[in-house]
C-alpha cells in the first residue's frame, strides 16, 4: 500500500464528514463539547478578520518596492 492511499486525506469527503460528526456527537453525549452562547458567537465573528487586516499595512511597503 502506498502512502498516498491511506489515512483521512484519501477518503471521500462524505466519509470524512461522517467520522467528524461521530466525534462531535460523542463529545456532546459526554458533556465535553462547547456550547456557544449568542454573545460568544458574536464576539468571535467580530474577531474573524482582524488579524489579516492588522498585517496588511506592514506588508504593503514591501510589495510596493518589489515591482
Protein backbone atom coordinates (compact mmCIF):
# COMPACT_ATOMS: atom_id res chain seq x y z
CA UNK A 1 0.00 0.00 0.00
CA UNK A 2 1.46 3.34 -0.99
CA UNK A 3 1.42 6.29 1.37
CA UNK A 4 -0.98 8.15 -0.93
CA UNK A 5 -3.71 5.54 -0.46
CA UNK A 6 -4.13 5.67 3.30
CA UNK A 7 -5.46 7.95 6.01
CA UNK A 8 -8.18 10.55 6.10
CA UNK A 9 -6.79 12.51 3.17
CA UNK A 10 -7.52 9.63 0.79
CA UNK A 11 -11.15 9.23 1.96
CA UNK A 12 -14.06 10.74 0.11
CA UNK A 13 -15.36 13.97 1.70
CA UNK A 14 -18.67 12.33 2.69
CA UNK A 15 -16.88 9.65 4.70
CA UNK A 16 -14.67 12.23 6.45
CA UNK A 17 -17.78 14.28 7.33
CA UNK A 18 -19.41 11.15 8.76
CA UNK A 19 -16.44 10.44 11.04
CA UNK A 20 -16.26 14.08 12.13
CA UNK A 21 -19.95 14.12 13.04
CA UNK A 22 -19.50 10.94 15.08
CA UNK A 23 -16.80 12.69 17.13
CA UNK A 24 -18.97 15.73 17.67
CA UNK A 25 -21.92 13.60 18.73
CA UNK A 26 -19.77 11.67 21.21
CA UNK A 27 -18.40 14.89 22.70
CA UNK A 28 -21.91 16.22 23.26
CA UNK A 29 -23.04 12.96 24.87
CA UNK A 30 -20.07 13.10 27.25
CA UNK A 31 -20.72 16.75 28.07
CA UNK A 32 -17.31 17.87 26.78
CA UNK A 33 -18.49 19.84 23.75
CA UNK A 34 -18.54 23.62 23.88
CA UNK A 35 -21.96 25.24 23.56
CA UNK A 36 -21.67 28.72 22.06
CA UNK A 37 -23.76 31.47 23.55
CA UNK A 38 -25.09 34.19 21.28
CA UNK A 39 -22.66 36.71 22.74
CA UNK A 40 -19.63 34.39 22.33
CA UNK A 41 -20.54 33.77 18.69
CA UNK A 42 -20.99 37.48 18.05
CA UNK A 43 -17.59 38.29 19.59
CA UNK A 44 -15.87 35.53 17.62
CA UNK A 45 -17.47 36.78 14.42
CA UNK A 46 -16.12 40.27 15.01
CA UNK A 47 -12.61 38.93 15.62
CA UNK A 48 -12.65 36.89 12.42
CA UNK A 49 -10.95 39.35 10.07
CA UNK A 50 -8.93 41.46 12.48
CA UNK A 51 -5.62 39.57 12.25
CA UNK A 52 -5.21 39.74 8.45
CA UNK A 53 -6.20 43.40 8.39
CA UNK A 54 -3.64 44.27 11.04
CA UNK A 55 -0.83 42.73 8.95
CA UNK A 56 -1.63 44.50 5.68
CA UNK A 57 -0.10 47.92 6.40
CA UNK A 58 3.19 46.28 7.39
CA UNK A 59 3.41 44.22 4.20
CA UNK A 60 2.30 46.93 1.78
CA UNK A 61 5.67 48.77 1.58
CA UNK A 62 7.49 45.51 0.75
CA UNK A 63 5.21 44.76 -2.18
CA UNK A 64 5.45 48.33 -3.50
CA UNK A 65 9.25 48.20 -3.60
CA UNK A 66 9.45 44.73 -5.12
CA UNK A 67 7.94 45.68 -8.53
